[in-house]
Amino acid sequence: NPVLVPTIRVRVKFRSIYHELNISSIASFGDLKKMLTGPTGLHH
């Protein structure tokens, strides 16, 4: 089995609210934006 890519937990501040998300450490910022669409209601 290949070595698994670790998952990291990041904190993203939007206005006055912090959102914590788990994401692959090798993901792109575009991937993170798409994940933030749900909790923020803001199109990626």
PDB file of all heavy atoms in Angstrom:
ATOM      1  N   ASN A   1       0.825  -1.202   0.000  1.00  0.00           N
ATOM      2  CA  ASN A   1       0.000   0.000   0.000  1.00  0.00           C
ATOM      3  C   ASN A   1       0.855   1.246   0.000  1.00  0.00           C
ATOM      4  O   ASN A   1       1.812   1.343   0.749  1.00  0.00           O
ATOM      5  CB  ASN A   1      -0.925   0.032   1.236  1.00  0.00           C
ATOM      6  CG  ASN A   1      -2.028  -1.005   1.129  1.00  0.00           C
ATOM      7  OD1 ASN A   1      -2.335  -1.446   0.033  1.00  0.00           O
ATOM      8  ND2 ASN A   1      -2.607  -1.371   2.252  1.00  0.00           N
ATOM      9  N   PRO A   2       0.508   2.255  -0.855  1.00  0.00           N
ATOM     10  CA  PRO A   2       1.266   3.508  -0.843  1.00  0.00           C
ATOM     11  C   PRO A   2       0.983   4.292   0.430  1.00  0.00           C
ATOM     12  O   PRO A   2      -0.015   4.078   1.105  1.00  0.00           O
ATOM     13  CB  PRO A   2       0.728   4.249  -2.076  1.00  0.00           C
ATOM     14  CG  PRO A   2      -0.654   3.694  -2.265  1.00  0.00           C
ATOM     15  CD  PRO A   2      -0.566   2.250  -1.838  1.00  0.00           C
ATOM     16  N   VAL A   3       1.851   5.224   0.728  1.00  0.00           N
ATOM     17  CA  VAL A   3       1.665   6.049   1.914  1.00  0.00           C
ATOM     18  C   VAL A   3       0.462   6.951   1.720  1.00  0.00           C
ATOM     19  O   VAL A   3       0.321   7.600   0.685  1.00  0.00           O
ATOM     20  CB  VAL A   3       2.928   6.908   2.163  1.00  0.00           C
ATOM     21  CG1 VAL A   3       2.735   7.813   3.367  1.00  0.00           C
ATOM     22  CG2 VAL A   3       4.142   6.014   2.353  1.00  0.00           C
ATOM     23  N   LEU A   4      -0.439   6.972   2.690  1.00  0.00           N
ATOM     24  CA  LEU A   4      -1.647   7.781   2.584  1.00  0.00           C
ATOM     25  C   LEU A   4      -1.314   9.256   2.739  1.00  0.00           C
ATOM     26  O   LEU A   4      -0.468   9.632   3.535  1.00  0.00           O
ATOM     27  CB  LEU A   4      -2.649   7.354   3.661  1.00  0.00           C
ATOM     28  CG  LEU A   4      -3.157   5.911   3.562  1.00  0.00           C
ATOM     29  CD1 LEU A   4      -4.096   5.613   4.726  1.00  0.00           C
ATOM     30  CD2 LEU A   4      -3.872   5.681   2.240  1.00  0.00           C
ATOM     31  N   VAL A   5      -2.015  10.083   1.943  1.00  0.00           N
ATOM     32  CA  VAL A   5      -1.832  11.534   2.032  1.00  0.00           C
ATOM     33  C   VAL A   5      -2.529  12.031   3.293  1.00  0.00           C
ATOM     34  O   VAL A   5      -3.709  11.753   3.493  1.00  0.00           O
ATOM     35  CB  VAL A   5      -2.420  12.233   0.792  1.00  0.00           C
ATOM     36  CG1 VAL A   5      -2.302  13.753   0.930  1.00  0.00           C
ATOM     37  CG2 VAL A   5      -1.736  11.749  -0.478  1.00  0.00           C
ATOM     38  N   PRO A   6      -1.848  12.760   4.147  1.00  0.00           N
ATOM     39  CA  PRO A   6      -2.450  13.208   5.399  1.00  0.00           C
ATOM     40  C   PRO A   6      -3.536  14.258   5.172  1.00  0.00           C
ATOM     41  O   PRO A   6      -3.503  15.016   4.215  1.00  0.00           O
ATOM     42  CB  PRO A   6      -1.265  13.797   6.175  1.00  0.00           C
ATOM     43  CG  PRO A   6      -0.291  14.208   5.109  1.00  0.00           C
ATOM     44  CD  PRO A   6      -0.438  13.195   4.020  1.00  0.00           C
ATOM     45  N   THR A   7      -4.497  14.267   6.081  1.00  0.00           N
ATOM     46  CA  THR A   7      -5.562  15.270   6.078  1.00  0.00           C
ATOM     47  C   THR A   7      -5.255  16.303   7.150  1.00  0.00           C
ATOM     48  O   THR A   7      -4.863  15.954   8.265  1.00  0.00           O
ATOM     49  CB  THR A   7      -6.935  14.621   6.363  1.00  0.00           C
ATOM     50  OG1 THR A   7      -7.228  13.688   5.314  1.00  0.00           O
ATOM     51  CG2 THR A   7      -8.034  15.679   6.419  1.00  0.00           C
ATOM     52  N   ILE A   8      -5.406  17.566   6.789  1.00  0.00           N
ATOM     53  CA  ILE A   8      -5.137  18.634   7.743  1.00  0.00           C
ATOM     54  C   ILE A   8      -6.435  19.369   8.070  1.00  0.00           C
ATOM     55  O   ILE A   8      -7.408  19.292   7.318  1.00  0.00           O
ATOM     56  CB  ILE A   8      -4.095  19.636   7.197  1.00  0.00           C
ATOM     57  CG1 ILE A   8      -4.590  20.253   5.881  1.00  0.00           C
ATOM     58  CG2 ILE A   8      -2.748  18.952   7.004  1.00  0.00           C
ATOM     59  CD1 ILE A   8      -3.670  21.327   5.328  1.00  0.00           C
ATOM     60  N   ARG A   9      -6.438  20.059   9.195  1.00  0.00           N
ATOM     61  CA  ARG A   9      -7.592  20.837   9.615  1.00  0.00           C
ATOM     62  C   ARG A   9      -7.194  22.313   9.607  1.00  0.00           C
ATOM     63  O   ARG A   9      -6.250  22.712  10.288  1.00  0.00           O
ATOM     64  CB  ARG A   9      -8.065  20.416  11.010  1.00  0.00           C
ATOM     65  CG  ARG A   9      -9.400  21.056  11.422  1.00  0.00           C
ATOM     66  CD  ARG A   9      -9.904  20.421  12.716  1.00  0.00           C
ATOM     67  NE  ARG A   9     -11.221  20.913  13.089  1.00  0.00           N
ATOM     68  CZ  ARG A   9     -12.365  20.455  12.587  1.00  0.00           C
ATOM     69  NH1 ARG A   9     -12.327  19.491  11.681  1.00  0.00           N
ATOM     70  NH2 ARG A   9     -13.529  20.952  12.976  1.00  0.00           N
ATOM     71  N   VAL A  10      -7.920  23.099   8.812  1.00  0.00           N
ATOM     72  CA  VAL A  10      -7.599  24.522   8.694  1.00  0.00           C
ATOM     73  C   VAL A  10      -8.756  25.360   9.219  1.00  0.00           C
ATOM     74  O   VAL A  10      -9.907  24.933   9.217  1.00  0.00           O
ATOM     75  CB  VAL A  10      -7.301  24.897   7.227  1.00  0.00           C
ATOM     76  CG1 VAL A  10      -6.068  24.163   6.723  1.00  0.00           C
ATOM     77  CG2 VAL A  10      -8.496  24.590   6.324  1.00  0.00           C
ATOM     78  N   ARG A  11      -8.408  26.575   9.658  1.00  0.00           N
ATOM     79  CA  ARG A  11      -9.407  27.532  10.145  1.00  0.00           C
ATOM     80  C   ARG A  11      -9.489  28.692   9.161  1.00  0.00           C
ATOM     81  O   ARG A  11      -8.487  29.311   8.821  1.00  0.00           O
ATOM     82  CB  ARG A  11      -9.038  28.056  11.534  1.00  0.00           C
ATOM     83  CG  ARG A  11      -9.040  26.991  12.618  1.00  0.00           C
ATOM     84  CD  ARG A  11      -8.885  27.651  13.986  1.00  0.00           C
ATOM     85  NE  ARG A  11     -10.098  28.386  14.339  1.00  0.00           N
ATOM     86  CZ  ARG A  11     -10.168  29.280  15.332  1.00  0.00           C
ATOM     87  NH1 ARG A  11      -9.082  29.584  16.027  1.00  0.00           N
ATOM     88  NH2 ARG A  11     -11.306  29.883  15.606  1.00  0.00           N
ATOM     89  N   VAL A  12     -10.709  28.938   8.682  1.00  0.00           N
ATOM     90  CA  VAL A  12     -10.910  30.001   7.710  1.00  0.00           C
ATOM     91  C   VAL A  12     -11.858  31.040   8.302  1.00  0.00           C
ATOM     92  O   VAL A  12     -12.986  30.719   8.693  1.00  0.00           O
ATOM     93  CB  VAL A  12     -11.493  29.453   6.390  1.00  0.00           C
ATOM     94  CG1 VAL A  12     -11.657  30.574   5.379  1.00  0.00           C
ATOM     95  CG2 VAL A  12     -10.608  28.352   5.821  1.00  0.00           C
ATOM     96  N   LYS A  13     -11.391  32.280   8.375  1.00  0.00           N
ATOM     97  CA  LYS A  13     -12.213  33.360   8.913  1.00  0.00           C
ATOM     98  C   LYS A  13     -12.959  34.056   7.782  1.00  0.00           C
ATOM     99  O   LYS A  13     -12.370  34.533   6.820  1.00  0.00           O
ATOM    100  CB  LYS A  13     -11.352  34.383   9.652  1.00  0.00           C
ATOM    101  CG  LYS A  13     -12.167  35.510  10.277  1.00  0.00           C
ATOM    102  CD  LYS A  13     -11.275  36.520  10.978  1.00  0.00           C
ATOM    103  CE  LYS A  13     -12.105  37.647  11.588  1.00  0.00           C
ATOM    104  NZ  LYS A  13     -11.250  38.662  12.250  1.00  0.00           N
ATOM    105  N   PHE A  14     -14.292  34.107   7.893  1.00  0.00           N
ATOM    106  CA  PHE A  14     -15.129  34.811   6.930  1.00  0.00           C
ATOM    107  C   PHE A  14     -16.008  35.778   7.703  1.00  0.00           C
ATOM    108  O   PHE A  14     -16.853  35.367   8.488  1.00  0.00           O
ATOM    109  CB  PHE A  14     -15.975  33.829   6.115  1.00  0.00           C
ATOM    110  CG  PHE A  14     -16.889  34.495   5.129  1.00  0.00           C
ATOM    111  CD1 PHE A  14     -16.400  35.377   4.178  1.00  0.00           C
ATOM    112  CD2 PHE A  14     -18.256  34.236   5.152  1.00  0.00           C
ATOM    113  CE1 PHE A  14     -17.247  35.985   3.273  1.00  0.00           C
ATOM    114  CE2 PHE A  14     -19.110  34.840   4.242  1.00  0.00           C
ATOM    115  CZ  PHE A  14     -18.603  35.715   3.295  1.00  0.00           C
ATOM    116  N   ARG A  15     -15.767  37.060   7.483  1.00  0.00           N
ATOM    117  CA  ARG A  15     -16.400  38.098   8.279  1.00  0.00           C
ATOM    118  C   ARG A  15     -16.011  37.898   9.743  1.00  0.00           C
ATOM    119  O   ARG A  15     -14.844  37.973  10.083  1.00  0.00           O
ATOM    120  CB  ARG A  15     -17.911  38.099   8.050  1.00  0.00           C
ATOM    121  CG  ARG A  15     -18.289  38.465   6.591  1.00  0.00           C
ATOM    122  CD  ARG A  15     -19.747  38.279   6.298  1.00  0.00           C
ATOM    123  NE  ARG A  15     -20.019  38.594   4.880  1.00  0.00           N
ATOM    124  CZ  ARG A  15     -21.130  38.250   4.260  1.00  0.00           C
ATOM    125  NH1 ARG A  15     -22.084  37.580   4.909  1.00  0.00           N
ATOM    126  NH2 ARG A  15     -21.304  38.587   2.991  1.00  0.00           N
ATOM    127  N   SER A  16     -16.972  37.612  10.614  1.00  0.00           N
ATOM    128  CA  SER A  16     -16.625  37.434  12.034  1.00  0.00           C
ATOM    129  C   SER A  16     -16.736  35.978  12.479  1.00  0.00           C
ATOM    130  O   SER A  16     -16.671  35.673  13.665  1.00  0.00           O
ATOM    131  CB  SER A  16     -17.549  38.299  12.905  1.00  0.00           C
ATOM    132  OG  SER A  16     -18.915  37.941  12.686  1.00  0.00           O
ATOM    133  N   ILE A  17     -16.883  35.080  11.521  1.00  0.00           N
ATOM    134  CA  ILE A  17     -17.099  33.662  11.843  1.00  0.00           C
ATOM    135  C   ILE A  17     -15.903  32.841  11.364  1.00  0.00           C
ATOM    136  O   ILE A  17     -15.371  33.067  10.275  1.00  0.00           O
ATOM    137  CB  ILE A  17     -18.396  33.139  11.196  1.00  0.00           C
ATOM    138  CG1 ILE A  17     -19.600  33.958  11.677  1.00  0.00           C
ATOM    139  CG2 ILE A  17     -18.607  31.661  11.527  1.00  0.00           C
ATOM    140  CD1 ILE A  17     -20.902  33.569  10.996  1.00  0.00           C
ATOM    141  N   TYR A  18     -15.493  31.895  12.195  1.00  0.00           N
ATOM    142  CA  TYR A  18     -14.419  30.962  11.828  1.00  0.00           C
ATOM    143  C   TYR A  18     -15.035  29.628  11.396  1.00  0.00           C
ATOM    144  O   TYR A  18     -15.921  29.099  12.072  1.00  0.00           O
ATOM    145  CB  TYR A  18     -13.473  30.741  13.008  1.00  0.00           C
ATOM    146  CG  TYR A  18     -12.516  31.887  13.243  1.00  0.00           C
ATOM    147  CD1 TYR A  18     -12.855  32.933  14.099  1.00  0.00           C
ATOM    148  CD2 TYR A  18     -11.277  31.923  12.613  1.00  0.00           C
ATOM    149  CE1 TYR A  18     -11.978  33.987  14.319  1.00  0.00           C
ATOM    150  CE2 TYR A  18     -10.392  32.974  12.824  1.00  0.00           C
ATOM    151  CZ  TYR A  18     -10.746  33.999  13.678  1.00  0.00           C
ATOM    152  OH  TYR A  18      -9.881  35.039  13.883  1.00  0.00           O
ATOM    153  N   HIS A  19     -14.551  29.117  10.304  1.00  0.00           N
ATOM    154  CA  HIS A  19     -14.997  27.817   9.796  1.00  0.00           C
ATOM    155  C   HIS A  19     -13.805  26.863   9.813  1.00  0.00           C
ATOM    156  O   HIS A  19     -12.739  27.192   9.285  1.00  0.00           O
ATOM    157  CB  HIS A  19     -15.548  27.936   8.381  1.00  0.00           C
ATOM    158  CG  HIS A  19     -16.716  28.863   8.244  1.00  0.00           C
ATOM    159  ND1 HIS A  19     -18.008  28.470   8.509  1.00  0.00           N
ATOM    160  CD2 HIS A  19     -16.768  30.184   7.900  1.00  0.00           C
ATOM    161  CE1 HIS A  19     -18.821  29.501   8.302  1.00  0.00           C
ATOM    162  NE2 HIS A  19     -18.102  30.554   7.942  1.00  0.00           N
ATOM    163  N   GLU A  20     -13.984  25.701  10.413  1.00  0.00           N
ATOM    164  CA  GLU A  20     -12.925  24.694  10.461  1.00  0.00           C
ATOM    165  C   GLU A  20     -13.271  23.569   9.490  1.00  0.00           C
ATOM    166  O   GLU A  20     -14.371  23.015   9.535  1.00  0.00           O
ATOM    167  CB  GLU A  20     -12.758  24.147  11.881  1.00  0.00           C
ATOM    168  CG  GLU A  20     -12.239  25.191  12.873  1.00  0.00           C
ATOM    169  CD  GLU A  20     -11.860  24.577  14.202  1.00  0.00           C
ATOM    170  OE1 GLU A  20     -12.134  23.364  14.401  1.00  0.00           O
ATOM    171  OE2 GLU A  20     -11.287  25.294  15.043  1.00  0.00           O
ATOM    172  N   LEU A  21     -12.324  23.240   8.635  1.00  0.00           N
ATOM    173  CA  LEU A  21     -12.544  22.217   7.625  1.00  0.00           C
ATOM    174  C   LEU A  21     -11.383  21.234   7.570  1.00  0.00           C
ATOM    175  O   LEU A  21     -10.231  21.623   7.766  1.00  0.00           O
ATOM    176  CB  LEU A  21     -12.728  22.835   6.234  1.00  0.00           C
ATOM    177  CG  LEU A  21     -13.904  23.793   6.028  1.00  0.00           C
ATOM    178  CD1 LEU A  21     -13.476  25.225   6.262  1.00  0.00           C
ATOM    179  CD2 LEU A  21     -14.462  23.638   4.618  1.00  0.00           C
ATOM    180  N   ASN A  22     -11.706  19.985   7.310  1.00  0.00           N
ATOM    181  CA  ASN A  22     -10.704  18.948   7.077  1.00  0.00           C
ATOM    182  C   ASN A  22     -10.506  18.817   5.565  1.00  0.00           C
ATOM    183  O   ASN A  22     -11.483  18.655   4.821  1.00  0.00           O
ATOM    184  CB  ASN A  22     -11.151  17.609   7.665  1.00  0.00           C
ATOM    185  CG  ASN A  22     -11.217  17.653   9.180  1.00  0.00           C
ATOM    186  OD1 ASN A  22     -10.387  18.280   9.839  1.00  0.00           O
ATOM    187  ND2 ASN A  22     -12.223  16.999   9.763  1.00  0.00           N
ATOM    188  N   ILE A  23      -9.255  18.871   5.129  1.00  0.00           N
ATOM    189  CA  ILE A  23      -8.968  18.820   3.700  1.00  0.00           C
ATOM    190  C   ILE A  23      -7.622  18.143   3.480  1.00  0.00           C
ATOM    191  O   ILE A  23      -6.751  18.156   4.358  1.00  0.00           O
ATOM    192  CB  ILE A  23      -8.961  20.255   3.100  1.00  0.00           C
ATOM    193  CG1 ILE A  23      -8.862  20.207   1.583  1.00  0.00           C
ATOM    194  CG2 ILE A  23      -7.864  21.104   3.709  1.00  0.00           C
ATOM    195  CD1 ILE A  23      -9.087  21.556   0.917  1.00  0.00           C
ATOM    196  N   SER A  24      -7.458  17.556   2.317  1.00  0.00           N
ATOM    197  CA  SER A  24      -6.190  16.913   1.977  1.00  0.00           C
ATOM    198  C   SER A  24      -5.069  17.948   1.961  1.00  0.00           C
ATOM    199  O   SER A  24      -5.250  19.065   1.485  1.00  0.00           O
ATOM    200  CB  SER A  24      -6.300  16.232   0.610  1.00  0.00           C
ATOM    201  OG  SER A  24      -5.027  15.810   0.150  1.00  0.00           O
ATOM    202  N   SER A  25      -3.933  17.560   2.468  1.00  0.00           N
ATOM    203  CA  SER A  25      -2.804  18.496   2.538  1.00  0.00           C
ATOM    204  C   SER A  25      -2.267  18.886   1.172  1.00  0.00           C
ATOM    205  O   SER A  25      -1.563  19.892   1.040  1.00  0.00           O
ATOM    206  CB  SER A  25      -1.672  17.879   3.372  1.00  0.00           C
ATOM    207  OG  SER A  25      -1.199  16.681   2.759  1.00  0.00           O
ATOM    208  N   ILE A  26      -2.590  18.099   0.141  1.00  0.00           N
ATOM    209  CA  ILE A  26      -2.098  18.408  -1.204  1.00  0.00           C
ATOM    210  C   ILE A  26      -3.204  18.978  -2.096  1.00  0.00           C
ATOM    211  O   ILE A  26      -3.053  19.040  -3.311  1.00  0.00           O
ATOM    212  CB  ILE A  26      -1.480  17.160  -1.866  1.00  0.00           C
ATOM    213  CG1 ILE A  26      -2.520  16.049  -2.010  1.00  0.00           C
ATOM    214  CG2 ILE A  26      -0.270  16.679  -1.094  1.00  0.00           C
ATOM    215  CD1 ILE A  26      -2.016  14.845  -2.798  1.00  0.00           C
ATOM    216  N   ALA A  27      -4.322  19.384  -1.492  1.00  0.00           N
ATOM    217  CA  ALA A  27      -5.413  19.967  -2.261  1.00  0.00           C
ATOM    218  C   ALA A  27      -5.044  21.381  -2.710  1.00  0.00           C
ATOM    219  O   ALA A  27      -4.074  21.977  -2.235  1.00  0.00           O
ATOM    220  CB  ALA A  27      -6.690  19.994  -1.429  1.00  0.00           C
ATOM    221  N   SER A  28      -5.827  21.929  -3.627  1.00  0.00           N
ATOM    222  CA  SER A  28      -5.583  23.280  -4.109  1.00  0.00           C
ATOM    223  C   SER A  28      -6.486  24.266  -3.370  1.00  0.00           C
ATOM    224  O   SER A  28      -7.444  23.878  -2.696  1.00  0.00           O
ATOM    225  CB  SER A  28      -5.863  23.366  -5.614  1.00  0.00           C
ATOM    226  OG  SER A  28      -7.252  23.176  -5.869  1.00  0.00           O
ATOM    227  N   PHE A  29      -6.178  25.552  -3.518  1.00  0.00           N
ATOM    228  CA  PHE A  29      -7.026  26.570  -2.908  1.00  0.00           C
ATOM    229  C   PHE A  29      -8.405  26.581  -3.575  1.00  0.00           C
ATOM    230  O   PHE A  29      -9.395  26.934  -2.946  1.00  0.00           O
ATOM    231  CB  PHE A  29      -6.356  27.945  -3.040  1.00  0.00           C
ATOM    232  CG  PHE A  29      -5.283  28.180  -2.020  1.00  0.00           C
ATOM    233  CD1 PHE A  29      -3.978  27.769  -2.260  1.00  0.00           C
ATOM    234  CD2 PHE A  29      -5.560  28.786  -0.809  1.00  0.00           C
ATOM    235  CE1 PHE A  29      -2.970  27.972  -1.320  1.00  0.00           C
ATOM    236  CE2 PHE A  29      -4.565  28.993   0.145  1.00  0.00           C
ATOM    237  CZ  PHE A  29      -3.267  28.585  -0.115  1.00  0.00           C
ATOM    238  N   GLY A  30      -8.451  26.186  -4.853  1.00  0.00           N
ATOM    239  CA  GLY A  30      -9.740  26.067  -5.529  1.00  0.00           C
ATOM    240  C   GLY A  30     -10.607  25.004  -4.891  1.00  0.00           C
ATOM    241  O   GLY A  30     -11.829  25.172  -4.753  1.00  0.00           O
ATOM    242  N   ASP A  31      -9.993  23.889  -4.485  1.00  0.00           N
ATOM    243  CA  ASP A  31     -10.732  22.835  -3.791  1.00  0.00           C
ATOM    244  C   ASP A  31     -11.283  23.346  -2.466  1.00  0.00           C
ATOM    245  O   ASP A  31     -12.419  23.042  -2.095  1.00  0.00           O
ATOM    246  CB  ASP A  31      -9.823  21.624  -3.540  1.00  0.00           C
ATOM    247  CG  ASP A  31      -9.352  20.969  -4.827  1.00  0.00           C
ATOM    248  OD1 ASP A  31     -10.101  21.006  -5.814  1.00  0.00           O
ATOM    249  OD2 ASP A  31      -8.228  20.436  -4.852  1.00  0.00           O
ATOM    250  N   LEU A  32     -10.474  24.118  -1.768  1.00  0.00           N
ATOM    251  CA  LEU A  32     -10.897  24.665  -0.481  1.00  0.00           C
ATOM    252  C   LEU A  32     -12.041  25.652  -0.672  1.00  0.00           C
ATOM    253  O   LEU A  32     -12.995  25.682   0.135  1.00  0.00           O
ATOM    254  CB  LEU A  32      -9.712  25.355   0.205  1.00  0.00           C
ATOM    255  CG  LEU A  32      -9.985  25.961   1.589  1.00  0.00           C
ATOM    256  CD1 LEU A  32     -10.537  24.922   2.551  1.00  0.00           C
ATOM    257  CD2 LEU A  32      -8.702  26.580   2.158  1.00  0.00           C
ATOM    258  N   LYS A  33     -12.002  26.441  -1.725  1.00  0.00           N
ATOM    259  CA  LYS A  33     -13.083  27.384  -2.005  1.00  0.00           C
ATOM    260  C   LYS A  33     -14.404  26.658  -2.229  1.00  0.00           C
ATOM    261  O   LYS A  33     -15.457  27.103  -1.753  1.00  0.00           O
ATOM    262  CB  LYS A  33     -12.734  28.235  -3.228  1.00  0.00           C
ATOM    263  CG  LYS A  33     -11.651  29.271  -2.992  1.00  0.00           C
ATOM    264  CD  LYS A  33     -11.376  30.070  -4.250  1.00  0.00           C
ATOM    265  CE  LYS A  33     -10.317  31.136  -4.019  1.00  0.00           C
ATOM    266  NZ  LYS A  33     -10.041  31.924  -5.248  1.00  0.00           N
ATOM    267  N   LYS A  34     -14.351  25.557  -2.963  1.00  0.00           N
ATOM    268  CA  LYS A  34     -15.574  24.791  -3.217  1.00  0.00           C
ATOM    269  C   LYS A  34     -16.135  24.221  -1.919  1.00  0.00           C
ATOM    270  O   LYS A  34     -17.350  24.139  -1.747  1.00  0.00           O
ATOM    271  CB  LYS A  34     -15.283  23.668  -4.218  1.00  0.00           C
ATOM    272  CG  LYS A  34     -14.980  24.180  -5.626  1.00  0.00           C
ATOM    273  CD  LYS A  34     -14.671  23.046  -6.577  1.00  0.00           C
ATOM    274  CE  LYS A  34     -14.358  23.584  -7.977  1.00  0.00           C
ATOM    275  NZ  LYS A  34     -14.025  22.490  -8.932  1.00  0.00           N
ATOM    276  N   MET A  35     -15.270  23.809  -1.009  1.00  0.00           N
ATOM    277  CA  MET A  35     -15.722  23.294   0.282  1.00  0.00           C
ATOM    278  C   MET A  35     -16.344  24.401   1.124  1.00  0.00           C
ATOM    279  O   MET A  35     -17.231  24.148   1.943  1.00  0.00           O
ATOM    280  CB  MET A  35     -14.551  22.650   1.029  1.00  0.00           C
ATOM    281  CG  MET A  35     -14.008  21.397   0.380  1.00  0.00           C
ATOM    282  SD  MET A  35     -12.606  20.675   1.302  1.00  0.00           S
ATOM    283  CE  MET A  35     -13.417  20.231   2.836  1.00  0.00           C
ATOM    284  N   LEU A  36     -15.893  25.639   0.928  1.00  0.00           N
ATOM    285  CA  LEU A  36     -16.408  26.767   1.709  1.00  0.00           C
ATOM    286  C   LEU A  36     -17.733  27.300   1.174  1.00  0.00           C
ATOM    287  O   LEU A  36     -18.391  28.105   1.839  1.00  0.00           O
ATOM    288  CB  LEU A  36     -15.371  27.903   1.718  1.00  0.00           C
ATOM    289  CG  LEU A  36     -14.126  27.659   2.576  1.00  0.00           C
ATOM    290  CD1 LEU A  36     -13.030  28.649   2.212  1.00  0.00           C
ATOM    291  CD2 LEU A  36     -14.476  27.767   4.054  1.00  0.00           C
ATOM    292  N   THR A  37     -18.127  26.867  -0.020  1.00  0.00           N
ATOM    293  CA  THR A  37     -19.384  27.352  -0.599  1.00  0.00           C
ATOM    294  C   THR A  37     -20.577  27.019   0.287  1.00  0.00           C
ATOM    295  O   THR A  37     -21.457  27.860   0.500  1.00  0.00           O
ATOM    296  CB  THR A  37     -19.592  26.746  -1.994  1.00  0.00           C
ATOM    297  OG1 THR A  37     -18.529  27.165  -2.859  1.00  0.00           O
ATOM    298  CG2 THR A  37     -20.919  27.189  -2.594  1.00  0.00           C
ATOM    299  N   GLY A  38     -20.589  25.793   0.835  1.00  0.00           N
ATOM    300  CA  GLY A  38     -21.702  25.378   1.687  1.00  0.00           C
ATOM    301  C   GLY A  38     -21.824  26.189   2.967  1.00  0.00           C
ATOM    302  O   GLY A  38     -22.863  26.829   3.215  1.00  0.00           O
ATOM    303  N   PRO A  39     -20.797  26.184   3.812  1.00  0.00           N
ATOM    304  CA  PRO A  39     -20.912  26.892   5.098  1.00  0.00           C
ATOM    305  C   PRO A  39     -21.008  28.408   4.990  1.00  0.00           C
ATOM    306  O   PRO A  39     -21.570  29.061   5.861  1.00  0.00           O
ATOM    307  CB  PRO A  39     -19.633  26.479   5.839  1.00  0.00           C
ATOM    308  CG  PRO A  39     -18.679  26.046   4.779  1.00  0.00           C
ATOM    309  CD  PRO A  39     -19.527  25.440   3.704  1.00  0.00           C
ATOM    310  N   THR A  40     -20.478  29.001   3.921  1.00  0.00           N
ATOM    311  CA  THR A  40     -20.498  30.463   3.795  1.00  0.00           C
ATOM    312  C   THR A  40     -21.610  30.974   2.898  1.00  0.00           C
ATOM    313  O   THR A  40     -21.995  32.143   2.982  1.00  0.00           O
ATOM    314  CB  THR A  40     -19.155  30.974   3.246  1.00  0.00           C
ATOM    315  OG1 THR A  40     -18.965  30.475   1.908  1.00  0.00           O
ATOM    316  CG2 THR A  40     -18.008  30.519   4.122  1.00  0.00           C
ATOM    317  N   GLY A  41     -22.132  30.107   2.018  1.00  0.00           N
ATOM    318  CA  GLY A  41     -23.148  30.543   1.064  1.00  0.00           C
ATOM    319  C   GLY A  41     -22.589  31.405  -0.045  1.00  0.00           C
ATOM    320  O   GLY A  41     -23.332  32.033  -0.795  1.00  0.00           O
ATOM    321  N   LEU A  42     -21.270  31.429  -0.173  1.00  0.00           N
ATOM    322  CA  LEU A  42     -20.604  32.258  -1.167  1.00  0.00           C
ATOM    323  C   LEU A  42     -20.103  31.380  -2.304  1.00  0.00           C
ATOM    324  O   LEU A  42     -19.390  30.406  -2.072  1.00  0.00           O
ATOM    325  CB  LEU A  42     -19.437  33.005  -0.516  1.00  0.00           C
ATOM    326  CG  LEU A  42     -18.800  34.161  -1.292  1.00  0.00           C
ATOM    327  CD1 LEU A  42     -19.803  35.274  -1.523  1.00  0.00           C
ATOM    328  CD2 LEU A  42     -17.584  34.698  -0.537  1.00  0.00           C
ATOM    329  N   HIS A  43     -20.496  31.717  -3.527  1.00  0.00           N
ATOM    330  CA  HIS A  43     -20.063  30.932  -4.686  1.00  0.00           C
ATOM    331  C   HIS A  43     -18.546  30.905  -4.760  1.00  0.00           C
ATOM    332  O   HIS A  43     -17.879  31.910  -4.484  1.00  0.00           O
ATOM    333  CB  HIS A  43     -20.642  31.537  -5.967  1.00  0.00           C
ATOM    334  CG  HIS A  43     -20.556  30.641  -7.160  1.00  0.00           C
ATOM    335  ND1 HIS A  43     -19.411  30.533  -7.938  1.00  0.00           N
ATOM    336  CD2 HIS A  43     -21.455  29.789  -7.707  1.00  0.00           C
ATOM    337  CE1 HIS A  43     -19.622  29.674  -8.910  1.00  0.00           C
ATOM    338  NE2 HIS A  43     -20.856  29.206  -8.804  1.00  0.00           N
ATOM    339  N   HIS A  44     -17.995  29.756  -5.145  1.00  0.00           N
ATOM    340  CA  HIS A  44     -16.536  29.618  -5.135  1.00  0.00           C
ATOM    341  C   HIS A  44     -15.850  30.596  -6.083  1.00  0.00           C
ATOM    342  O   HIS A  44     -14.697  30.971  -5.865  1.00  0.00           O
ATOM    343  CB  HIS A  44     -16.132  28.170  -5.454  1.00  0.00           C
ATOM    344  CG  HIS A  44     -16.458  27.731  -6.856  1.00  0.00           C
ATOM    345  ND1 HIS A  44     -15.588  27.878  -7.893  1.00  0.00           N
ATOM    346  CD2 HIS A  44     -17.574  27.130  -7.371  1.00  0.00           C
ATOM    347  CE1 HIS A  44     -16.139  27.388  -8.997  1.00  0.00           C
ATOM    348  NE2 HIS A  44     -17.346  26.942  -8.716  1.00  0.00           N
TER     349      HIS A  44
END
